[in-house]
Structure formats: C-alpha cells, structure tokens
Amino acid sequence: ACTMVINGRVRQSCSCLIDEYAPLEGDVITLEPMSKFPVIRDLWVDRQRVFHNLTRVKAWVPIDGTYNMGPGPKESHDHQQMRYALSECMSCGCCLEACPQFHKVEDESKWDTAFVGAHAISQARLFNEHGTGKRLKGERMDELISAGGVSDCGNAQNCVKVCPKGIPLTESIGAIGRSATVHSIKKFFSK
C-alpha cells in the first residue's frame, strides 16, 4: 500500500497531490514510513499484522460446504449502502497509524492479544451483516470480546478522520460494541 506519513499526517501517497498540499503546508514535503509497523526498507513497512488481524476476526465468507439458505435474503437499500461503504476498505492501514490504541508489536506471539484496530472491527461487521458470512458471527464475536478486541478501543475517532475512503469506522465500532455486549450476555446465560 502507498500509505505513509506525509508532513506528520498519515495519508495515501498515491492520492496526495503536492500542488494541493504545498501551499498549505510549506515548501518542504517530508515522507516517513508508518510508525506502527516494522520498517522493511526506506518507506516500505511490514503490514503482516493487518492481515493477521483479519484472520483473527475471520473476515471472510465461509465457502466450504453447501448451505441450504433458500432464495437469497432480501436487503433494504439502506442495508446495501451500509455494507457497500464497509466493503470499500482497501486495508491501507491509515486508521491503524492514526489510532492511539494501536501500537507497534514486533513480537508475533503477542499479536493475538494486541488491539485489532478499527480496520478489523469494521470488516467483522461487514461479514456479520452478510447473508452467508453471519454463519461465523459467533466466532468473530468471541474474538472481539477477548483481549485486544473492541473493548480496547479508546474512542479517539482518529480512524474515521484519516480514512481515505470515508468508511464509517466509528459506526462499525459502536455496532460491534453493542453486538459484543449482547453476545457476552447470551454466553453468560447459556452456561
């Protein structure tokens, strides 16, 4: 991804036009690698943790086997629009770089308890709202109520401010937070 820190702010370098920023930010353009990920070389960072977090929350539609679901579910226009907005995520990492709760963790053995970030939470919501994807909702919610899950979000809302796609990340965090509460209560009373 072309995400980097440009003049102290996380941005997509591929869409950050110098002639737009130079008059506002001065004649010097400073490029730095993202600070929340290990640097491989120059401005190139290792974003394996981004994809590891997607694996943690099972951000996919299960395709193994067949599901007798009958005709496809009818969806309202609003629900389609909400899911479409979430699906535009390109895993660039801007939200993670801007988040004060998401920290650089180089020890891979600690990735499973470190905060997953707005990116993974939003993708979990996307797949929880999918007709077939909701089959893994319980497993996703188990991960999101564990260490490093949604309760680790400090609600700084920096993520939504820097998202180049304008994805409603804080709405997803709120929705997953409510789902996590319901999931936890159901788990407690099902024992």
N, C-alpha and C. Protein backbone atom coordinates (compact mmCIF):
# COMPACT_ATOMS: atom_id res chain seq x y z
N ALA A 1 0.85 -1.19 0.00
CA ALA A 1 0.00 0.00 0.00
C ALA A 1 0.89 1.24 0.00
N CYS A 2 0.35 2.30 -0.46
CA CYS A 2 1.13 3.53 -0.55
C CYS A 2 0.92 4.43 0.66
N THR A 3 0.50 3.85 1.77
CA THR A 3 0.28 4.63 2.98
C THR A 3 1.61 5.00 3.60
N MET A 4 1.74 6.26 3.96
CA MET A 4 2.93 6.73 4.68
C MET A 4 2.58 8.00 5.43
N VAL A 5 3.51 8.46 6.22
CA VAL A 5 3.31 9.70 6.97
C VAL A 5 3.92 10.83 6.15
N ILE A 6 3.06 11.75 5.73
CA ILE A 6 3.48 12.87 4.89
C ILE A 6 3.26 14.15 5.67
N ASN A 7 4.34 14.86 5.92
CA ASN A 7 4.30 16.08 6.73
C ASN A 7 3.59 15.84 8.06
N GLY A 8 3.89 14.71 8.68
CA GLY A 8 3.37 14.42 10.01
C GLY A 8 1.97 13.83 10.06
N ARG A 9 1.34 13.65 8.91
CA ARG A 9 -0.02 13.09 8.87
C ARG A 9 -0.03 11.84 8.00
N VAL A 10 -0.77 10.83 8.46
CA VAL A 10 -0.87 9.60 7.68
C VAL A 10 -1.77 9.85 6.47
N ARG A 11 -1.28 9.44 5.31
CA ARG A 11 -2.02 9.67 4.06
C ARG A 11 -1.63 8.60 3.05
N GLN A 12 -2.38 8.58 1.97
CA GLN A 12 -2.05 7.74 0.82
C GLN A 12 -1.19 8.59 -0.10
N SER A 13 0.05 8.17 -0.32
CA SER A 13 0.95 8.96 -1.16
C SER A 13 0.47 9.00 -2.60
N CYS A 14 -0.25 7.97 -3.03
CA CYS A 14 -0.71 7.90 -4.42
C CYS A 14 -1.80 8.93 -4.72
N SER A 15 -2.45 9.45 -3.68
CA SER A 15 -3.51 10.44 -3.92
C SER A 15 -3.21 11.78 -3.26
N CYS A 16 -2.05 11.92 -2.68
CA CYS A 16 -1.65 13.17 -2.02
C CYS A 16 -0.90 14.03 -3.04
N LEU A 17 -1.60 14.94 -3.65
CA LEU A 17 -1.00 15.76 -4.70
C LEU A 17 -0.22 16.92 -4.10
N ILE A 18 1.03 17.02 -4.47
CA ILE A 18 1.92 18.03 -3.89
C ILE A 18 1.39 19.43 -4.12
N ASP A 19 0.86 19.71 -5.30
CA ASP A 19 0.40 21.07 -5.57
C ASP A 19 -0.79 21.47 -4.70
N GLU A 20 -1.51 20.50 -4.13
CA GLU A 20 -2.61 20.82 -3.22
C GLU A 20 -2.10 21.07 -1.80
N TYR A 21 -1.07 20.33 -1.39
CA TYR A 21 -0.59 20.43 -0.01
C TYR A 21 0.50 21.46 0.19
N ALA A 22 1.34 21.69 -0.81
CA ALA A 22 2.46 22.61 -0.66
C ALA A 22 2.04 24.02 -0.23
N PRO A 23 1.01 24.61 -0.84
CA PRO A 23 0.63 25.96 -0.40
C PRO A 23 0.15 26.00 1.06
N LEU A 24 -0.44 24.91 1.53
CA LEU A 24 -0.97 24.88 2.89
C LEU A 24 0.08 24.46 3.91
N GLU A 25 1.04 23.65 3.50
CA GLU A 25 1.97 23.07 4.45
C GLU A 25 3.42 23.48 4.24
N GLY A 26 3.67 24.39 3.34
CA GLY A 26 5.04 24.86 3.12
C GLY A 26 5.71 24.19 1.94
N ASP A 27 6.94 24.62 1.70
CA ASP A 27 7.69 24.14 0.54
C ASP A 27 8.34 22.79 0.75
N VAL A 28 8.47 22.35 2.00
CA VAL A 28 9.15 21.09 2.29
C VAL A 28 8.12 19.98 2.48
N ILE A 29 8.29 18.90 1.75
CA ILE A 29 7.44 17.72 1.90
C ILE A 29 8.29 16.64 2.56
N THR A 30 7.86 16.19 3.74
CA THR A 30 8.59 15.16 4.48
C THR A 30 7.84 13.84 4.40
N LEU A 31 8.53 12.81 3.93
CA LEU A 31 7.95 11.47 3.82
C LEU A 31 8.58 10.57 4.88
N GLU A 32 7.73 9.85 5.63
CA GLU A 32 8.21 8.92 6.65
C GLU A 32 7.40 7.64 6.56
N PRO A 33 7.99 6.51 6.96
CA PRO A 33 7.21 5.26 6.98
C PRO A 33 6.21 5.29 8.13
N MET A 34 5.19 4.46 8.05
CA MET A 34 4.25 4.35 9.17
C MET A 34 5.01 3.88 10.40
N SER A 35 4.65 4.41 11.55
CA SER A 35 5.38 4.10 12.79
C SER A 35 4.84 2.88 13.53
N LYS A 36 3.68 2.39 13.17
CA LYS A 36 3.05 1.28 13.90
C LYS A 36 3.42 -0.09 13.35
N PHE A 37 4.25 -0.10 12.32
CA PHE A 37 4.66 -1.36 11.68
C PHE A 37 6.17 -1.38 11.51
N PRO A 38 6.78 -2.57 11.54
CA PRO A 38 8.23 -2.66 11.34
C PRO A 38 8.63 -2.19 9.94
N VAL A 39 9.70 -1.43 9.86
CA VAL A 39 10.19 -0.94 8.57
C VAL A 39 11.01 -2.04 7.91
N ILE A 40 10.68 -2.31 6.66
CA ILE A 40 11.45 -3.27 5.87
C ILE A 40 12.62 -2.54 5.22
N ARG A 41 12.30 -1.44 4.56
CA ARG A 41 13.32 -0.63 3.92
C ARG A 41 12.71 0.71 3.53
N ASP A 42 13.43 1.78 3.76
CA ASP A 42 13.01 3.12 3.37
C ASP A 42 11.60 3.42 3.87
N LEU A 43 10.63 3.54 2.97
CA LEU A 43 9.25 3.84 3.34
C LEU A 43 8.36 2.60 3.35
N TRP A 44 8.94 1.45 3.10
CA TRP A 44 8.22 0.19 2.98
C TRP A 44 8.13 -0.46 4.36
N VAL A 45 6.90 -0.74 4.81
CA VAL A 45 6.70 -1.37 6.11
C VAL A 45 6.07 -2.76 5.96
N ASP A 46 6.26 -3.57 6.98
CA ASP A 46 5.71 -4.93 7.02
C ASP A 46 4.31 -4.86 7.62
N ARG A 47 3.30 -5.06 6.80
CA ARG A 47 1.91 -4.95 7.25
C ARG A 47 1.27 -6.32 7.50
N GLN A 48 2.06 -7.33 7.78
CA GLN A 48 1.51 -8.67 8.03
C GLN A 48 0.48 -8.66 9.14
N ARG A 49 0.68 -7.81 10.14
CA ARG A 49 -0.25 -7.77 11.27
C ARG A 49 -1.65 -7.34 10.83
N VAL A 50 -1.74 -6.47 9.84
CA VAL A 50 -3.05 -6.05 9.32
C VAL A 50 -3.83 -7.29 8.87
N PHE A 51 -3.19 -8.15 8.13
CA PHE A 51 -3.85 -9.33 7.58
C PHE A 51 -4.02 -10.42 8.64
N HIS A 52 -3.11 -10.45 9.60
CA HIS A 52 -3.27 -11.38 10.73
C HIS A 52 -4.54 -11.02 11.50
N ASN A 53 -4.78 -9.73 11.69
CA ASN A 53 -5.98 -9.30 12.42
C ASN A 53 -7.26 -9.65 11.67
N LEU A 54 -7.22 -9.62 10.35
CA LEU A 54 -8.38 -10.06 9.56
C LEU A 54 -8.62 -11.55 9.78
N THR A 55 -7.54 -12.31 9.91
CA THR A 55 -7.66 -13.74 10.19
C THR A 55 -8.23 -13.96 11.58
N ARG A 56 -7.79 -13.15 12.54
CA ARG A 56 -8.31 -13.27 13.91
C ARG A 56 -9.83 -13.14 13.95
N VAL A 57 -10.36 -12.17 13.21
CA VAL A 57 -11.81 -11.93 13.26
C VAL A 57 -12.56 -12.67 12.16
N LYS A 58 -11.86 -13.57 11.46
CA LYS A 58 -12.47 -14.38 10.40
C LYS A 58 -13.24 -13.50 9.40
N ALA A 59 -12.55 -12.54 8.85
CA ALA A 59 -13.17 -11.58 7.93
C ALA A 59 -13.27 -12.17 6.53
N TRP A 60 -14.15 -13.15 6.41
CA TRP A 60 -14.40 -13.79 5.13
C TRP A 60 -15.76 -14.46 5.17
N VAL A 61 -16.23 -14.86 4.01
CA VAL A 61 -17.46 -15.62 3.88
C VAL A 61 -17.06 -17.09 3.77
N PRO A 62 -17.62 -17.96 4.63
CA PRO A 62 -17.26 -19.38 4.53
C PRO A 62 -17.75 -19.97 3.21
N ILE A 63 -16.85 -20.63 2.49
CA ILE A 63 -17.24 -21.21 1.20
C ILE A 63 -17.14 -22.73 1.19
N ASP A 64 -16.66 -23.31 2.28
CA ASP A 64 -16.56 -24.76 2.34
C ASP A 64 -17.94 -25.35 2.61
N GLY A 65 -18.33 -26.31 1.82
CA GLY A 65 -19.63 -26.94 2.01
C GLY A 65 -20.73 -26.18 1.31
N THR A 66 -21.94 -26.68 1.49
CA THR A 66 -23.10 -26.02 0.90
C THR A 66 -24.04 -25.61 2.02
N TYR A 67 -24.81 -24.60 1.76
CA TYR A 67 -25.75 -24.08 2.74
C TYR A 67 -27.11 -23.98 2.08
N ASN A 68 -28.08 -24.68 2.61
CA ASN A 68 -29.44 -24.57 2.08
C ASN A 68 -30.08 -23.35 2.73
N MET A 69 -29.93 -22.24 2.07
CA MET A 69 -30.45 -20.98 2.60
C MET A 69 -31.70 -20.54 1.86
N GLY A 70 -32.14 -21.35 0.93
CA GLY A 70 -33.30 -20.95 0.15
C GLY A 70 -32.92 -19.80 -0.76
N PRO A 71 -33.91 -19.02 -1.17
CA PRO A 71 -33.59 -17.87 -2.02
C PRO A 71 -32.75 -16.86 -1.24
N GLY A 72 -31.97 -16.09 -1.94
CA GLY A 72 -31.13 -15.08 -1.28
C GLY A 72 -31.97 -14.13 -0.45
N PRO A 73 -31.43 -13.67 0.66
CA PRO A 73 -32.19 -12.77 1.52
C PRO A 73 -32.43 -11.43 0.84
N LYS A 74 -33.59 -10.86 1.11
CA LYS A 74 -33.89 -9.53 0.59
C LYS A 74 -33.24 -8.52 1.52
N GLU A 75 -32.65 -7.52 0.92
CA GLU A 75 -31.99 -6.49 1.71
C GLU A 75 -32.57 -5.14 1.37
N SER A 76 -32.68 -4.31 2.39
CA SER A 76 -33.14 -2.95 2.15
C SER A 76 -32.02 -2.16 1.46
N HIS A 77 -32.41 -1.09 0.83
CA HIS A 77 -31.43 -0.23 0.17
C HIS A 77 -30.43 0.31 1.19
N ASP A 78 -30.91 0.70 2.37
CA ASP A 78 -30.02 1.24 3.40
C ASP A 78 -28.99 0.21 3.86
N HIS A 79 -29.43 -1.05 4.00
CA HIS A 79 -28.52 -2.11 4.42
C HIS A 79 -27.47 -2.36 3.33
N GLN A 80 -27.89 -2.34 2.08
CA GLN A 80 -26.94 -2.50 0.97
C GLN A 80 -25.91 -1.37 0.98
N GLN A 81 -26.38 -0.15 1.19
CA GLN A 81 -25.49 1.01 1.21
C GLN A 81 -24.48 0.92 2.36
N MET A 82 -24.96 0.48 3.53
CA MET A 82 -24.07 0.34 4.68
C MET A 82 -22.99 -0.69 4.38
N ARG A 83 -23.38 -1.84 3.86
CA ARG A 83 -22.41 -2.89 3.56
C ARG A 83 -21.45 -2.46 2.45
N TYR A 84 -21.96 -1.75 1.46
CA TYR A 84 -21.10 -1.29 0.37
C TYR A 84 -20.02 -0.35 0.91
N ALA A 85 -20.41 0.57 1.78
CA ALA A 85 -19.44 1.51 2.35
C ALA A 85 -18.33 0.76 3.09
N LEU A 86 -18.70 -0.27 3.84
CA LEU A 86 -17.70 -1.05 4.58
C LEU A 86 -16.81 -1.86 3.64
N SER A 87 -17.38 -2.29 2.52
CA SER A 87 -16.63 -3.14 1.58
C SER A 87 -15.57 -2.35 0.81
N GLU A 88 -15.61 -1.04 0.87
CA GLU A 88 -14.63 -0.23 0.14
C GLU A 88 -13.26 -0.20 0.80
N CYS A 89 -13.14 -0.77 1.99
CA CYS A 89 -11.85 -0.78 2.70
C CYS A 89 -10.79 -1.47 1.84
N MET A 90 -9.63 -0.84 1.74
CA MET A 90 -8.53 -1.40 0.94
C MET A 90 -7.36 -1.82 1.82
N SER A 91 -7.59 -1.92 3.12
CA SER A 91 -6.56 -2.38 4.07
C SER A 91 -5.28 -1.56 3.99
N CYS A 92 -5.43 -0.26 3.83
CA CYS A 92 -4.26 0.62 3.68
C CYS A 92 -3.53 0.86 4.99
N GLY A 93 -4.25 0.80 6.11
CA GLY A 93 -3.63 0.99 7.41
C GLY A 93 -3.64 2.41 7.94
N CYS A 94 -4.25 3.34 7.22
CA CYS A 94 -4.31 4.73 7.71
C CYS A 94 -4.97 4.79 9.09
N CYS A 95 -6.08 4.07 9.25
CA CYS A 95 -6.81 4.09 10.52
C CYS A 95 -5.96 3.56 11.66
N LEU A 96 -5.14 2.56 11.38
CA LEU A 96 -4.29 1.96 12.41
C LEU A 96 -3.15 2.89 12.80
N GLU A 97 -2.58 3.56 11.82
CA GLU A 97 -1.49 4.51 12.10
C GLU A 97 -1.99 5.68 12.94
N ALA A 98 -3.22 6.12 12.72
CA ALA A 98 -3.76 7.28 13.44
C ALA A 98 -4.29 6.92 14.83
N CYS A 99 -4.49 5.65 15.10
CA CYS A 99 -5.12 5.20 16.35
C CYS A 99 -4.13 5.21 17.52
N PRO A 100 -4.46 5.91 18.62
CA PRO A 100 -3.56 5.89 19.78
C PRO A 100 -3.57 4.56 20.53
N GLN A 101 -4.54 3.70 20.28
CA GLN A 101 -4.63 2.41 20.97
C GLN A 101 -3.89 1.31 20.21
N PHE A 102 -3.62 1.52 18.94
CA PHE A 102 -2.93 0.53 18.12
C PHE A 102 -1.44 0.82 18.19
N HIS A 103 -0.68 -0.13 18.73
CA HIS A 103 0.75 0.07 18.94
C HIS A 103 1.57 -0.90 18.10
N LYS A 104 2.79 -0.53 17.85
CA LYS A 104 3.72 -1.40 17.14
C LYS A 104 4.03 -2.60 18.03
N VAL A 105 3.79 -3.80 17.51
CA VAL A 105 4.09 -5.04 18.24
C VAL A 105 4.91 -5.91 17.30
N GLU A 106 6.20 -5.96 17.54
CA GLU A 106 7.08 -6.72 16.65
C GLU A 106 7.08 -8.21 16.96
N ASP A 107 6.78 -8.57 18.21
CA ASP A 107 6.76 -9.97 18.62
C ASP A 107 5.45 -10.61 18.15
N GLU A 108 5.52 -11.43 17.12
CA GLU A 108 4.31 -12.04 16.54
C GLU A 108 3.52 -12.86 17.54
N SER A 109 4.16 -13.38 18.57
CA SER A 109 3.44 -14.19 19.56
C SER A 109 2.47 -13.34 20.38
N LYS A 110 2.62 -12.02 20.34
CA LYS A 110 1.74 -11.12 21.09
C LYS A 110 0.65 -10.49 20.22
N TRP A 111 0.64 -10.80 18.93
CA TRP A 111 -0.36 -10.23 18.03
C TRP A 111 -1.77 -10.65 18.41
N ASP A 112 -1.94 -11.85 18.96
CA ASP A 112 -3.29 -12.34 19.26
C ASP A 112 -3.93 -11.68 20.46
N THR A 113 -3.18 -10.90 21.22
CA THR A 113 -3.77 -10.18 22.36
C THR A 113 -3.65 -8.67 22.21
N ALA A 114 -2.99 -8.21 21.16
CA ALA A 114 -2.88 -6.78 20.89
C ALA A 114 -4.16 -6.29 20.21
N PHE A 115 -4.45 -5.02 20.35
CA PHE A 115 -5.66 -4.42 19.78
C PHE A 115 -5.73 -4.66 18.27
N VAL A 116 -6.89 -5.14 17.80
CA VAL A 116 -7.06 -5.44 16.37
C VAL A 116 -7.21 -4.19 15.52
N GLY A 117 -7.74 -3.12 16.07
CA GLY A 117 -7.90 -1.88 15.34
C GLY A 117 -9.23 -1.76 14.61
N ALA A 118 -9.52 -0.54 14.18
CA ALA A 118 -10.80 -0.23 13.52
C ALA A 118 -10.98 -1.01 12.22
N HIS A 119 -9.90 -1.23 11.51
CA HIS A 119 -9.95 -1.94 10.23
C HIS A 119 -10.58 -3.32 10.40
N ALA A 120 -10.06 -4.13 11.33
CA ALA A 120 -10.57 -5.50 11.53
C ALA A 120 -11.97 -5.48 12.12
N ILE A 121 -12.24 -4.53 13.01
CA ILE A 121 -13.58 -4.43 13.61
C ILE A 121 -14.61 -4.13 12.54
N SER A 122 -14.29 -3.20 11.66
CA SER A 122 -15.22 -2.84 10.59
C SER A 122 -15.44 -3.99 9.61
N GLN A 123 -14.39 -4.72 9.30
CA GLN A 123 -14.53 -5.86 8.40
C GLN A 123 -15.33 -6.98 9.06
N ALA A 124 -15.19 -7.15 10.37
CA ALA A 124 -16.00 -8.13 11.09
C ALA A 124 -17.48 -7.75 10.98
N ARG A 125 -17.77 -6.46 11.12
CA ARG A 125 -19.17 -6.01 10.98
C ARG A 125 -19.68 -6.29 9.56
N LEU A 126 -18.86 -6.01 8.56
CA LEU A 126 -19.26 -6.26 7.18
C LEU A 126 -19.69 -7.71 7.00
N PHE A 127 -18.89 -8.64 7.48
CA PHE A 127 -19.20 -10.06 7.28
C PHE A 127 -20.27 -10.57 8.24
N ASN A 128 -20.44 -9.94 9.39
CA ASN A 128 -21.56 -10.30 10.27
C ASN A 128 -22.89 -9.92 9.64
N GLU A 129 -22.87 -8.92 8.78
CA GLU A 129 -24.09 -8.44 8.12
C GLU A 129 -24.34 -9.16 6.79
N HIS A 130 -23.46 -10.04 6.38
CA HIS A 130 -23.58 -10.76 5.12
C HIS A 130 -24.43 -12.01 5.33
N GLY A 131 -25.29 -12.33 4.37
CA GLY A 131 -26.19 -13.48 4.49
C GLY A 131 -25.49 -14.78 4.83
N THR A 132 -24.40 -15.09 4.16
CA THR A 132 -23.65 -16.31 4.43
C THR A 132 -22.57 -16.07 5.48
N GLY A 133 -21.99 -14.90 5.48
CA GLY A 133 -20.92 -14.57 6.42
C GLY A 133 -21.35 -14.61 7.87
N LYS A 134 -22.64 -14.37 8.13
CA LYS A 134 -23.09 -14.36 9.52
C LYS A 134 -23.00 -15.72 10.18
N ARG A 135 -22.74 -16.78 9.40
CA ARG A 135 -22.56 -18.11 10.00
C ARG A 135 -21.36 -18.15 10.93
N LEU A 136 -20.40 -17.27 10.74
CA LEU A 136 -19.22 -17.21 11.61
C LEU A 136 -19.32 -16.09 12.65
N LYS A 137 -20.49 -15.48 12.79
CA LYS A 137 -20.64 -14.34 13.68
C LYS A 137 -20.24 -14.67 15.12
N GLY A 138 -20.66 -15.82 15.61
CA GLY A 138 -20.32 -16.20 16.98
C GLY A 138 -18.82 -16.29 17.20
N GLU A 139 -18.11 -16.89 16.24
CA GLU A 139 -16.65 -16.99 16.35
C GLU A 139 -16.00 -15.62 16.26
N ARG A 140 -16.53 -14.76 15.39
CA ARG A 140 -15.99 -13.40 15.29
C ARG A 140 -16.19 -12.66 16.60
N MET A 141 -17.39 -12.78 17.14
CA MET A 141 -17.68 -12.06 18.37
C MET A 141 -16.86 -12.59 19.54
N ASP A 142 -16.61 -13.89 19.58
CA ASP A 142 -15.74 -14.45 20.63
C ASP A 142 -14.37 -13.78 20.58
N GLU A 143 -13.84 -13.60 19.39
CA GLU A 143 -12.54 -12.95 19.24
C GLU A 143 -12.61 -11.47 19.63
N LEU A 144 -13.71 -10.82 19.26
CA LEU A 144 -13.83 -9.39 19.52
C LEU A 144 -14.15 -9.05 20.97
N ILE A 145 -14.56 -10.04 21.77
CA ILE A 145 -14.76 -9.77 23.20
C ILE A 145 -13.55 -10.22 24.02
N SER A 146 -12.56 -10.80 23.36
CA SER A 146 -11.35 -11.24 24.05
C SER A 146 -10.33 -10.10 24.11
N ALA A 147 -9.17 -10.38 24.68
CA ALA A 147 -8.10 -9.39 24.78
C ALA A 147 -7.75 -8.85 23.40
N GLY A 148 -7.64 -7.53 23.30
CA GLY A 148 -7.32 -6.90 22.03
C GLY A 148 -8.53 -6.66 21.15
N GLY A 149 -9.70 -6.93 21.67
CA GLY A 149 -10.94 -6.77 20.91
C GLY A 149 -11.51 -5.37 20.99
N VAL A 150 -12.80 -5.27 20.76
CA VAL A 150 -13.47 -3.98 20.64
C VAL A 150 -13.41 -3.15 21.92
N SER A 151 -13.34 -3.79 23.08
CA SER A 151 -13.30 -3.01 24.33
C SER A 151 -11.98 -2.27 24.51
N ASP A 152 -10.96 -2.60 23.73
CA ASP A 152 -9.69 -1.89 23.80
C ASP A 152 -9.71 -0.56 23.03
N CYS A 153 -10.78 -0.31 22.30
CA CYS A 153 -10.90 0.95 21.56
C CYS A 153 -11.12 2.09 22.56
N GLY A 154 -10.32 3.13 22.46
CA GLY A 154 -10.44 4.28 23.35
C GLY A 154 -11.36 5.36 22.82
N ASN A 155 -11.98 5.14 21.66
CA ASN A 155 -12.93 6.07 21.05
C ASN A 155 -12.32 7.43 20.72
N ALA A 156 -11.07 7.45 20.32
CA ALA A 156 -10.42 8.71 19.92
C ALA A 156 -11.01 9.23 18.61
N GLN A 157 -11.50 8.33 17.77
CA GLN A 157 -12.12 8.63 16.49
C GLN A 157 -11.15 9.20 15.45
N ASN A 158 -9.86 9.03 15.68
CA ASN A 158 -8.87 9.45 14.68
C ASN A 158 -9.01 8.61 13.42
N CYS A 159 -9.42 7.35 13.58
CA CYS A 159 -9.52 6.42 12.45
C CYS A 159 -10.44 6.96 11.36
N VAL A 160 -11.59 7.42 11.76
CA VAL A 160 -12.58 7.87 10.78
C VAL A 160 -12.14 9.18 10.11
N LYS A 161 -11.34 9.96 10.82
CA LYS A 161 -10.87 11.24 10.26
C LYS A 161 -9.84 11.05 9.15
N VAL A 162 -9.06 9.97 9.24
CA VAL A 162 -7.98 9.78 8.26
C VAL A 162 -8.30 8.77 7.17
N CYS A 163 -9.41 8.08 7.27
CA CYS A 163 -9.74 7.05 6.28
C CYS A 163 -9.90 7.67 4.90
N PRO A 164 -9.07 7.26 3.94
CA PRO A 164 -9.16 7.86 2.60
C PRO A 164 -10.45 7.52 1.86
N LYS A 165 -11.15 6.48 2.29
CA LYS A 165 -12.40 6.08 1.65
C LYS A 165 -13.62 6.62 2.39
N GLY A 166 -13.42 7.27 3.52
CA GLY A 166 -14.55 7.81 4.28
C GLY A 166 -15.44 6.72 4.88
N ILE A 167 -14.86 5.60 5.21
CA ILE A 167 -15.62 4.48 5.78
C ILE A 167 -16.09 4.86 7.18
N PRO A 168 -17.34 4.59 7.52
CA PRO A 168 -17.87 4.95 8.85
C PRO A 168 -17.35 4.01 9.94
N LEU A 169 -16.07 4.11 10.24
CA LEU A 169 -15.42 3.20 11.17
C LEU A 169 -15.98 3.30 12.58
N THR A 170 -16.29 4.51 13.03
CA THR A 170 -16.81 4.64 14.40
C THR A 170 -18.21 4.06 14.51
N GLU A 171 -18.99 4.10 13.43
CA GLU A 171 -20.30 3.44 13.45
C GLU A 171 -20.12 1.93 13.59
N SER A 172 -19.13 1.38 12.90
CA SER A 172 -18.85 -0.05 13.00
C SER A 172 -18.39 -0.42 14.40
N ILE A 173 -17.53 0.40 14.98
CA ILE A 173 -17.05 0.12 16.34
C ILE A 173 -18.22 0.14 17.31
N GLY A 174 -19.12 1.12 17.16
CA GLY A 174 -20.30 1.18 18.02
C GLY A 174 -21.21 -0.02 17.83
N ALA A 175 -21.45 -0.39 16.57
CA ALA A 175 -22.33 -1.54 16.28
C ALA A 175 -21.72 -2.84 16.82
N ILE A 176 -20.43 -3.02 16.63
CA ILE A 176 -19.77 -4.23 17.13
C ILE A 176 -19.73 -4.20 18.66
N GLY A 177 -19.57 -3.04 19.25
CA GLY A 177 -19.61 -2.92 20.71
C GLY A 177 -20.95 -3.37 21.27
N ARG A 178 -22.04 -2.94 20.63
CA ARG A 178 -23.38 -3.37 21.06
C ARG A 178 -23.55 -4.87 20.86
N SER A 179 -23.11 -5.38 19.72
CA SER A 179 -23.19 -6.82 19.45
C SER A 179 -22.36 -7.61 20.46
N ALA A 180 -21.22 -7.06 20.85
CA ALA A 180 -20.36 -7.73 21.82
C ALA A 180 -21.05 -7.84 23.17
N THR A 181 -21.76 -6.80 23.55
CA THR A 181 -22.50 -6.83 24.82
C THR A 181 -23.57 -7.90 24.78
N VAL A 182 -24.36 -7.92 23.71
CA VAL A 182 -25.42 -8.93 23.57
C VAL A 182 -24.81 -10.33 23.54
N HIS A 183 -23.73 -10.50 22.80
CA HIS A 183 -23.06 -11.81 22.69
C HIS A 183 -22.57 -12.27 24.06
N SER A 184 -21.97 -11.36 24.81
CA SER A 184 -21.45 -11.70 26.14
C SER A 184 -22.56 -12.11 27.09
N ILE A 185 -23.68 -11.40 27.05
CA ILE A 185 -24.81 -11.72 27.93
C ILE A 185 -25.39 -13.09 27.55
N LYS A 186 -25.54 -13.33 26.25
CA LYS A 186 -26.04 -14.64 25.81
C LYS A 186 -25.10 -15.77 26.23
N LYS A 187 -23.81 -15.54 26.10
CA LYS A 187 -22.83 -16.56 26.52
C LYS A 187 -22.92 -16.82 28.02
N PHE A 188 -23.09 -15.76 28.80
CA PHE A 188 -23.16 -15.89 30.25
C PHE A 188 -24.37 -16.72 30.67
N PHE A 189 -25.52 -16.44 30.06
CA PHE A 189 -26.75 -17.14 30.45
C PHE A 189 -26.91 -18.51 29.80
N SER A 190 -26.08 -18.83 28.83
CA SER A 190 -26.18 -20.14 28.20
C SER A 190 -25.35 -21.20 28.92
N LYS A 191 -24.62 -20.78 29.94
CA LYS A 191 -23.78 -21.73 30.69
C LYS A 191 -24.61 -22.58 31.62
